[in-house]
């Protein structure tokens, strides 16, 4: 079972993690989403482990929830969806309500897994539910009280002991009006303790939260698929179009291959061909013809990208109304392809990347189609296995450099499998209409 394999690898590779709640049936079965804390320095390793345990019958989807700052990873096994929520910190509206060191210092073993001890589990669950949802449902309250008893006092666990006092009162309070009042007081204490720790980091956290919050509220009107040739971008688009076209709240779906084509094709202007030929003619006597060909290709790419920068900017200005008309534009390629296919960006290339990043709005949702390089090569042998792996690595690098507003990674063993496409498109559809 994938859950058992996943936790065995976490343990064997020394990952700092803790199951936050609902671990009683793990790792042999599960009844709810699996909430995990992972040390921020180990997050990339956890993602790699998660991807590595995918088998032939799995479809794995990774999505970062910008609003609450956790990574959601969903995997299907035997038509059963298993969802992991990976937390690297605990904040509400940019303010930290539980430090990572509290979690890491209060773990214990259960069925071979690292889990929170009952005091910190109760503290975290109570704080998270009260702050994020406004209440603690009776079923969860009864379960927590059964664990910690009727006189729970977690003050000694915390640097700011008032946090534990409020969490204790919120756990046992059942009057909704008193809960709301205590919640406001609790949040005020959290703000005060954050400011007393570090004013600068608190301000930066709040700015980051507000930015992510407003991004998550915006309707998704532009979607782009990225991935090497053969990863299934066109196949996924046609299946997604069938899914979306049957929905009443989508008025129109516009499909674009590569670029919006607001301005004419560059090939129509012979002047650009003349310029490149003049530039190449200086190297006619060069001994290395492959170097000449590479230089010509690089220059053409730069001219194309400089020219088409205006195309994407005009498209963004014209299509701004789509956010208010429930129209969706889908690209099976985007300008990211230029960055992905360029293995050695020079200074001019980096300047172009800067202008694209900051002067051309990115799509509301970017879908990265990931399959093993061997599978992609078998479907479309246009690139070598090494080139396919390099392009996938560059997509991940672009994500780390914040080129994508929201990236969802879909891992499939075979992108042409209809069942996997259907499951993936259901996830994409739900992501689109959470904001519509």
Protein backbone atom coordinates (compact mmCIF):
# COMPACT_ATOMS: atom_id res chain seq x y z
CA UNK A 1 0.00 0.00 0.00
CA UNK A 2 1.27 3.45 -0.90
CA UNK A 3 0.79 4.90 2.62
CA UNK A 4 2.96 2.20 4.19
CA UNK A 5 5.67 2.59 1.52
CA UNK A 6 5.60 6.37 1.90
CA UNK A 7 6.13 6.34 5.67
CA UNK A 8 8.80 3.62 5.46
CA UNK A 9 10.81 5.86 3.12
CA UNK A 10 10.32 8.88 5.38
CA UNK A 11 11.72 6.87 8.29
CA UNK A 12 14.61 5.32 6.36
CA UNK A 13 15.79 8.68 4.95
CA UNK A 14 15.67 10.46 8.31
CA UNK A 15 12.98 13.02 7.42
CA UNK A 16 11.81 15.29 10.26
CA UNK A 17 8.04 14.78 10.18
CA UNK A 18 5.04 14.24 12.43
CA UNK A 19 1.52 13.04 11.73
CA UNK A 20 -0.67 15.78 13.20
CA UNK A 21 -3.92 13.92 13.80
CA UNK A 22 -6.02 10.93 12.77
CA UNK A 23 -3.12 8.48 12.89
CA UNK A 24 -4.89 5.66 14.76
CA UNK A 25 -5.38 3.48 11.62
CA UNK A 26 -2.12 4.40 9.90
CA UNK A 27 -0.15 3.10 8.08
CA UNK A 28 -2.47 0.24 7.16
CA UNK A 29 -5.63 2.22 6.49
CA UNK A 30 -7.00 5.77 6.63
CA UNK A 31 -10.37 7.44 7.11
CA UNK A 32 -9.61 11.14 6.49
CA UNK A 33 -7.01 13.37 4.86
CA UNK A 34 -3.55 12.75 6.29
CA UNK A 35 -2.09 15.91 7.88
CA UNK A 36 1.71 15.94 8.17
CA UNK A 37 4.21 18.40 9.56
CA UNK A 38 7.52 18.39 7.66
CA UNK A 39 10.62 20.38 8.52
CA UNK A 40 10.90 23.11 5.83
CA UNK A 41 14.42 21.98 4.94
CA UNK A 42 13.13 18.48 4.10
CA UNK A 43 10.14 19.47 1.96
CA UNK A 44 11.85 18.86 -1.42
CA UNK A 45 12.97 15.41 -0.24
CA UNK A 46 9.42 14.56 0.85
CA UNK A 47 8.05 15.53 -2.57
CA UNK A 48 10.64 13.32 -4.26
CA UNK A 49 9.76 10.41 -1.98
CA UNK A 50 6.07 10.91 -2.68
CA UNK A 51 6.70 10.84 -6.43
CA UNK A 52 8.94 7.78 -6.19
CA UNK A 53 6.31 5.59 -4.54
CA UNK A 54 3.87 6.12 -7.42
CA UNK A 55 3.21 2.84 -9.19
CA UNK A 56 1.62 1.98 -12.53
CA UNK A 57 -1.98 2.40 -11.37
CA UNK A 58 -1.48 5.76 -9.65
CA UNK A 59 -2.18 9.33 -10.64
CA UNK A 60 -0.38 11.80 -8.38
CA UNK A 61 -1.29 15.49 -8.17
CA UNK A 62 0.60 18.15 -6.18
CA UNK A 63 -0.89 21.57 -5.45
CA UNK A 64 0.33 24.35 -3.15
CA UNK A 65 -2.47 26.06 -1.20
CA UNK A 66 -1.21 29.66 -1.15
CA UNK A 67 -3.92 30.90 1.20
CA UNK A 68 -3.09 28.56 4.12
CA UNK A 69 0.49 27.83 3.02
CA UNK A 70 0.47 24.05 2.87
CA UNK A 71 1.20 21.56 0.12
CA UNK A 72 -1.64 19.27 -0.90
CA UNK A 73 -0.63 15.98 -2.52
CA UNK A 74 -3.30 13.65 -3.86
CA UNK A 75 -2.68 10.16 -5.16
CA UNK A 76 -5.15 7.59 -6.47
CA UNK A 77 -4.76 3.90 -5.80
CA UNK A 78 -7.33 1.35 -6.90
CA UNK A 79 -9.82 4.20 -7.53
CA UNK A 80 -9.32 5.46 -3.97
CA UNK A 81 -8.11 9.02 -3.49
CA UNK A 82 -5.52 9.53 -0.74
CA UNK A 83 -4.84 13.15 0.17
CA UNK A 84 -1.80 14.36 2.13
CA UNK A 85 -1.70 17.92 3.49
CA UNK A 86 1.92 18.85 4.17
CA UNK A 87 2.47 21.72 6.63
CA UNK A 88 5.87 23.38 7.15
CA UNK A 89 4.62 25.97 9.65
CA UNK A 90 1.47 27.09 11.45
CA UNK A 91 0.24 30.61 10.75
CA UNK A 92 -3.08 32.41 10.66
CA UNK A 93 -3.28 35.58 8.55
CA UNK A 94 0.52 35.66 8.51
CA UNK A 95 0.90 35.35 12.30
CA UNK A 96 2.51 32.23 13.78
CA UNK A 97 0.36 30.54 16.41
CA UNK A 98 2.55 27.47 17.00
CA UNK A 99 6.32 27.27 16.58
CA UNK A 100 7.92 24.42 14.66
CA UNK A 101 10.20 23.61 17.58
CA UNK A 102 7.17 22.78 19.74
CA UNK A 103 6.09 20.16 17.21
CA UNK A 104 9.58 18.71 16.75
CA UNK A 105 10.22 18.53 20.50
CA UNK A 106 6.97 16.73 21.33
CA UNK A 107 6.85 13.66 19.07
CA UNK A 108 6.47 10.00 19.89
CA UNK A 109 6.25 6.69 18.03
CA UNK A 110 3.00 4.99 17.06
CA UNK A 111 2.93 1.93 14.75
CA UNK A 112 6.38 2.92 13.54
CA UNK A 113 5.30 6.48 12.67
CA UNK A 114 6.31 9.81 14.23
CA UNK A 115 3.16 11.38 15.70
CA UNK A 116 2.44 14.26 18.07
CA UNK A 117 2.00 13.52 21.74
CA UNK A 118 -1.53 14.04 22.99
CA UNK A 119 -0.92 17.49 24.50
CA UNK A 120 0.50 19.08 21.35
CA UNK A 121 -2.00 17.25 19.14
CA UNK A 122 -4.82 18.74 21.20
CA UNK A 123 -3.20 22.19 21.25
CA UNK A 124 -2.61 22.26 17.50
CA UNK A 125 -5.98 20.82 16.49
CA UNK A 126 -7.88 23.21 18.78
CA UNK A 127 -5.92 26.27 17.62
CA UNK A 128 -6.11 25.35 13.93
CA UNK A 129 -9.82 24.58 13.94
CA UNK A 130 -10.81 27.63 16.00
CA UNK A 131 -8.66 30.08 14.03
CA UNK A 132 -9.21 28.78 10.51
CA UNK A 133 -12.84 27.63 10.69
CA UNK A 134 -14.18 29.60 13.67
CA UNK A 135 -15.36 26.61 15.70
CA UNK A 136 -14.47 23.16 16.96
CA UNK A 137 -17.12 20.63 15.96
CA UNK A 138 -18.54 18.44 18.73
CA UNK A 139 -17.14 15.21 17.26
CA UNK A 140 -13.57 16.54 17.29
CA UNK A 141 -14.00 18.18 20.70
CA UNK A 142 -15.23 14.95 22.28
CA UNK A 143 -12.37 13.00 20.72
CA UNK A 144 -9.77 15.45 22.04
CA UNK A 145 -11.27 15.58 25.54
CA UNK A 146 -11.26 11.78 25.63
CA UNK A 147 -7.49 11.94 25.02
CA UNK A 148 -6.48 14.71 27.43
CA UNK A 149 -9.20 14.57 30.08
CA UNK A 150 -11.26 17.36 31.65
CA UNK A 151 -8.44 19.39 33.16
CA UNK A 152 -5.99 19.95 30.31
CA UNK A 153 -3.39 22.73 30.82
CA UNK A 154 -0.67 22.90 28.11
CA UNK A 155 1.00 26.12 29.37
CA UNK A 156 4.43 24.57 29.94
CA UNK A 157 4.69 23.56 26.27
CA UNK A 158 4.81 27.09 24.93
CA UNK A 159 7.11 30.06 24.87
CA UNK A 160 4.07 32.31 25.24
CA UNK A 161 2.04 30.56 27.93
CA UNK A 162 -1.10 32.62 27.31
CA UNK A 163 -1.56 30.68 24.08
CA UNK A 164 -2.02 27.45 25.99
CA UNK A 165 -4.43 29.09 28.43
CA UNK A 166 -6.70 30.30 25.62
CA UNK A 167 -6.48 26.96 23.77
CA UNK A 168 -7.55 25.18 26.97
CA UNK A 169 -10.53 27.48 27.49
CA UNK A 170 -11.57 27.15 23.84
CA UNK A 171 -11.49 23.35 24.04
CA UNK A 172 -13.95 23.15 26.92
CA UNK A 173 -16.17 26.11 25.96
CA UNK A 174 -19.39 25.15 24.15
CA UNK A 175 -21.18 28.53 24.10
CA UNK A 176 -20.76 29.93 20.56
CA UNK A 177 -20.80 33.58 21.68
CA UNK A 178 -18.09 32.97 24.26
CA UNK A 179 -16.05 31.01 21.71
CA UNK A 180 -16.13 33.99 19.30
CA UNK A 181 -15.01 36.37 22.04
CA UNK A 182 -12.22 34.02 23.17
CA UNK A 183 -11.13 33.57 19.55
CA UNK A 184 -10.73 37.33 19.11
CA UNK A 185 -8.75 37.60 22.34
CA UNK A 186 -6.60 34.61 21.38
CA UNK A 187 -5.77 36.11 17.99
CA UNK A 188 -4.89 39.43 19.66
CA UNK A 189 -2.43 37.60 21.92
CA UNK A 190 -0.93 35.82 18.90
CA UNK A 191 -0.38 39.16 17.13
CA UNK A 192 1.22 40.66 20.24
CA UNK A 193 3.58 37.71 20.73
CA UNK A 194 4.63 37.76 17.07
CA UNK A 195 5.41 41.47 17.20
CA UNK A 196 7.38 41.06 20.43
CA UNK A 197 9.48 38.33 18.78
CA UNK A 198 10.28 40.22 15.55
CA UNK A 199 8.55 43.25 14.07
CA UNK A 200 10.21 42.95 10.63
CA UNK A 201 9.47 39.25 10.10
CA UNK A 202 5.87 39.80 11.25
CA UNK A 203 5.34 42.57 8.70
CA UNK A 204 6.87 40.46 5.90
CA UNK A 205 4.68 37.48 6.85
CA UNK A 206 1.54 39.64 6.75
CA UNK A 207 2.44 41.08 3.33
CA UNK A 208 3.04 37.56 2.00
CA UNK A 209 -0.28 36.36 3.41
CA UNK A 210 -2.24 39.26 1.89
CA UNK A 211 -0.61 38.69 -1.51
CA UNK A 212 -1.43 34.98 -1.48
CA UNK A 213 -4.92 35.62 -0.13
CA UNK A 214 -5.92 37.94 -2.97
CA UNK A 215 -4.34 35.66 -5.55
CA UNK A 216 -6.40 32.72 -4.27
CA UNK A 217 -9.58 34.82 -4.51
CA UNK A 218 -9.07 35.71 -8.17
CA UNK A 219 -11.01 33.76 -10.77
CA UNK A 220 -8.91 31.48 -12.96
CA UNK A 221 -9.47 32.60 -16.54
CA UNK A 222 -6.17 31.45 -18.12
CA UNK A 223 -4.74 27.92 -17.92
CA UNK A 224 -1.45 26.76 -19.40
CA UNK A 225 -0.12 23.23 -19.75
CA UNK A 226 3.66 22.80 -19.52
CA UNK A 227 5.91 19.82 -20.04
CA UNK A 228 8.26 18.33 -22.66
CA UNK A 229 6.93 17.25 -26.06
CA UNK A 230 5.09 13.96 -25.57
CA UNK A 231 3.94 14.63 -22.01
CA UNK A 232 0.28 14.74 -23.13
CA UNK A 233 -0.51 18.49 -23.20
CA UNK A 234 -2.80 18.33 -26.26
CA UNK A 235 -4.46 15.10 -25.08
CA UNK A 236 -5.19 16.59 -21.67
CA UNK A 237 -6.58 19.77 -23.25
CA UNK A 238 -9.13 17.96 -25.44
CA UNK A 239 -10.34 15.90 -22.48
CA UNK A 240 -10.51 19.01 -20.28
CA UNK A 241 -12.51 20.83 -22.97
CA UNK A 242 -15.11 18.04 -22.90
CA UNK A 243 -15.35 18.33 -19.11
CA UNK A 244 -15.70 22.12 -19.06
CA UNK A 245 -17.97 22.50 -22.10
CA UNK A 246 -20.81 20.72 -20.27
CA UNK A 247 -20.79 23.20 -17.39
CA UNK A 248 -23.31 26.03 -17.37
CA UNK A 249 -21.07 28.58 -15.66
CA UNK A 250 -18.45 28.44 -18.44
CA UNK A 251 -19.58 30.63 -21.32
CA UNK A 252 -16.67 30.04 -23.67
CA UNK A 253 -13.42 28.08 -23.92
CA UNK A 254 -10.66 29.50 -26.11
CA UNK A 255 -7.82 27.26 -27.20
CA UNK A 256 -4.36 28.58 -28.11
CA UNK A 257 -1.39 26.66 -29.43
CA UNK A 258 1.79 28.34 -28.27
CA UNK A 259 0.88 32.02 -28.45
CA UNK A 260 -2.26 34.19 -28.68
CA UNK A 261 -1.58 35.38 -32.28
CA UNK A 262 -2.84 38.89 -31.64
CA UNK A 263 -0.04 40.20 -33.89
CA UNK A 264 1.04 38.64 -37.24
CA UNK A 265 3.47 35.74 -37.52
CA UNK A 266 7.09 36.85 -37.55
CA UNK A 267 7.78 34.72 -40.65
CA UNK A 268 5.81 37.18 -42.76
CA UNK A 269 8.51 39.80 -42.23
CA UNK A 270 11.52 38.91 -44.41
CA UNK A 271 13.56 41.62 -42.72
CA UNK A 272 14.13 39.35 -39.70
CA UNK A 273 15.43 36.54 -41.90
CA UNK A 274 17.76 39.05 -43.59
CA UNK A 275 19.13 40.26 -40.25
CA UNK A 276 19.86 36.76 -38.99
CA UNK A 277 21.49 35.74 -42.27
CA UNK A 278 23.77 38.79 -42.12
CA UNK A 279 24.70 37.90 -38.57
CA UNK A 280 25.50 34.31 -39.46
CA UNK A 281 27.44 35.22 -42.58
CA UNK A 282 30.32 36.42 -40.41
CA UNK A 283 30.95 32.79 -39.43
CA UNK A 284 30.89 31.30 -42.95
CA UNK A 285 34.52 30.19 -42.70
CA UNK A 286 34.07 28.67 -39.27
CA UNK A 287 35.40 25.15 -38.92
CA UNK A 288 32.52 24.06 -36.70
CA UNK A 289 29.25 24.09 -38.66
CA UNK A 290 27.27 22.89 -35.62
CA UNK A 291 28.33 26.00 -33.72
CA UNK A 292 27.06 28.14 -36.61
CA UNK A 293 23.73 26.34 -36.56
CA UNK A 294 23.46 26.75 -32.78
CA UNK A 295 24.20 30.48 -33.02
CA UNK A 296 21.56 30.93 -35.72
CA UNK A 297 18.97 29.05 -33.65
CA UNK A 298 19.77 31.10 -30.52
CA UNK A 299 19.48 34.41 -32.39
CA UNK A 300 16.19 33.42 -34.00
CA UNK A 301 14.77 32.40 -30.64
CA UNK A 302 15.75 35.73 -29.11
CA UNK A 303 14.16 37.70 -31.95
CA UNK A 304 11.00 35.63 -31.74
CA UNK A 305 10.72 36.05 -27.97
CA UNK A 306 11.38 39.80 -28.15
CA UNK A 307 8.72 40.19 -30.84
CA UNK A 308 6.15 37.97 -29.14
CA UNK A 309 6.52 39.75 -25.80
CA UNK A 310 4.12 42.34 -27.24
CA UNK A 311 1.77 39.53 -28.29
CA UNK A 312 1.38 38.20 -24.74
CA UNK A 313 1.06 41.70 -23.26
CA UNK A 314 -1.71 42.62 -25.70
CA UNK A 315 -3.47 39.33 -25.01
CA UNK A 316 -3.44 40.00 -21.25
CA UNK A 317 -4.93 43.47 -21.80
CA UNK A 318 -7.64 42.27 -24.20
CA UNK A 319 -8.63 39.19 -22.20
CA UNK A 320 -8.92 40.92 -18.82
CA UNK A 321 -12.70 40.85 -19.29
CA UNK A 322 -12.63 37.01 -19.16
CA UNK A 323 -12.34 37.22 -15.38
CA UNK A 324 -15.82 38.74 -15.29
CA UNK A 325 -17.50 36.69 -18.07
CA UNK A 326 -16.56 33.11 -17.01
CA UNK A 327 -14.60 32.56 -20.21
CA UNK A 328 -11.50 30.39 -20.02
CA UNK A 329 -8.42 30.52 -22.25
CA UNK A 330 -6.35 27.33 -22.39
CA UNK A 331 -2.81 27.14 -23.78
CA UNK A 332 -1.24 23.79 -24.59
CA UNK A 333 2.05 25.70 -24.75
CA UNK A 334 3.07 29.04 -23.29
CA UNK A 335 6.09 31.35 -23.33
CA UNK A 336 7.54 29.15 -20.59
CA UNK A 337 8.53 26.75 -23.38
CA UNK A 338 11.27 29.18 -24.44
CA UNK A 339 12.77 29.14 -20.96
CA UNK A 340 12.35 25.38 -20.60
CA UNK A 341 14.02 24.53 -23.94
CA UNK A 342 16.97 26.89 -23.39
CA UNK A 343 19.64 24.88 -21.53
CA UNK A 344 22.14 27.72 -21.22
CA UNK A 345 20.50 31.16 -20.80
CA UNK A 346 22.88 34.05 -21.44
CA UNK A 347 22.62 37.64 -20.20
CA UNK A 348 20.21 38.71 -22.96
CA UNK A 349 18.04 35.64 -22.30
CA UNK A 350 17.84 36.50 -18.60
CA UNK A 351 16.81 40.07 -19.45
CA UNK A 352 14.01 38.68 -21.63
CA UNK A 353 12.96 36.35 -18.81
CA UNK A 354 12.80 39.34 -16.48
CA UNK A 355 10.48 41.25 -18.82
CA UNK A 356 8.22 38.24 -19.33
CA UNK A 357 8.04 37.59 -15.61
CA UNK A 358 7.18 41.13 -14.51
CA UNK A 359 5.39 42.63 -17.53
CA UNK A 360 3.32 39.66 -18.70
CA UNK A 361 0.81 38.32 -16.15
CA UNK A 362 1.18 34.58 -15.62
CA UNK A 363 -1.84 32.27 -16.05
CA UNK A 364 -4.01 31.75 -13.00
CA UNK A 365 -3.27 28.02 -13.19
CA UNK A 366 -0.25 26.26 -14.70
CA UNK A 367 -0.53 22.48 -15.05
CA UNK A 368 2.79 20.63 -15.17
CA UNK A 369 2.35 17.21 -16.79
CA UNK A 370 5.05 14.94 -15.42
CA UNK A 371 5.72 11.42 -16.67
CA UNK A 372 8.86 9.28 -16.58
CA UNK A 373 11.31 10.29 -19.33
CA UNK A 374 11.18 6.74 -20.76
CA UNK A 375 7.39 6.96 -21.19
CA UNK A 376 7.56 10.35 -22.90
CA UNK A 377 10.35 9.15 -25.20
CA UNK A 378 8.32 6.08 -26.18
CA UNK A 379 5.30 8.25 -27.07
CA UNK A 380 7.21 10.93 -28.98
CA UNK A 381 10.96 10.41 -29.51
CA UNK A 382 11.68 14.02 -30.51
CA UNK A 383 13.99 14.62 -27.53
CA UNK A 384 16.59 12.43 -25.91
CA UNK A 385 16.01 11.04 -22.41
CA UNK A 386 18.59 13.50 -21.08
CA UNK A 387 16.85 16.49 -22.74
CA UNK A 388 13.47 15.42 -21.34
CA UNK A 389 14.88 15.18 -17.82
CA UNK A 390 16.59 18.57 -18.19
CA UNK A 391 13.38 20.27 -19.31
CA UNK A 392 11.44 18.81 -16.37
CA UNK A 393 14.16 20.04 -14.00
CA UNK A 394 13.96 23.55 -15.49
CA UNK A 395 10.19 23.65 -14.93
CA UNK A 396 10.79 22.88 -11.24
CA UNK A 397 13.46 25.62 -11.19
CA UNK A 398 11.00 28.14 -12.67
CA UNK A 399 8.56 27.23 -9.92
CA UNK A 400 11.19 27.97 -7.26
CA UNK A 401 11.88 31.31 -8.97
CA UNK A 402 8.16 32.21 -8.68
CA UNK A 403 7.37 32.30 -12.41
CA UNK A 404 4.06 30.51 -11.79
CA UNK A 405 1.18 32.08 -9.90
CA UNK A 406 -0.18 28.63 -9.12
CA UNK A 407 1.35 25.37 -10.26
CA UNK A 408 -0.37 21.99 -10.12
CA UNK A 409 1.86 19.02 -10.89
CA UNK A 410 0.15 15.93 -12.31
CA UNK A 411 2.25 12.76 -12.16
CA UNK A 412 1.07 9.98 -14.44
CA UNK A 413 2.83 6.84 -15.55
CA UNK A 414 1.10 6.99 -18.93
CA UNK A 415 -0.37 10.36 -20.01
CA UNK A 416 -2.58 8.66 -22.62
CA UNK A 417 -4.51 6.60 -20.03
CA UNK A 418 -8.10 7.84 -20.11
CA UNK A 419 -8.78 6.98 -16.45
CA UNK A 420 -5.82 9.05 -15.28
CA UNK A 421 -6.78 11.97 -17.53
CA UNK A 422 -10.35 11.89 -16.18
CA UNK A 423 -9.19 11.93 -12.55
CA UNK A 424 -6.74 14.74 -13.26
CA UNK A 425 -9.29 16.88 -15.07
CA UNK A 426 -11.72 16.54 -12.17
CA UNK A 427 -9.05 18.06 -9.93
CA UNK A 428 -8.36 20.85 -12.45
CA UNK A 429 -12.09 21.57 -12.73
CA UNK A 430 -12.44 21.86 -8.97
CA UNK A 431 -9.44 24.22 -8.80
CA UNK A 432 -10.97 26.46 -11.46
CA UNK A 433 -14.39 26.75 -9.85
CA UNK A 434 -13.22 27.31 -6.31
CA UNK A 435 -12.54 30.86 -7.50
CA UNK A 436 -15.35 31.36 -10.05
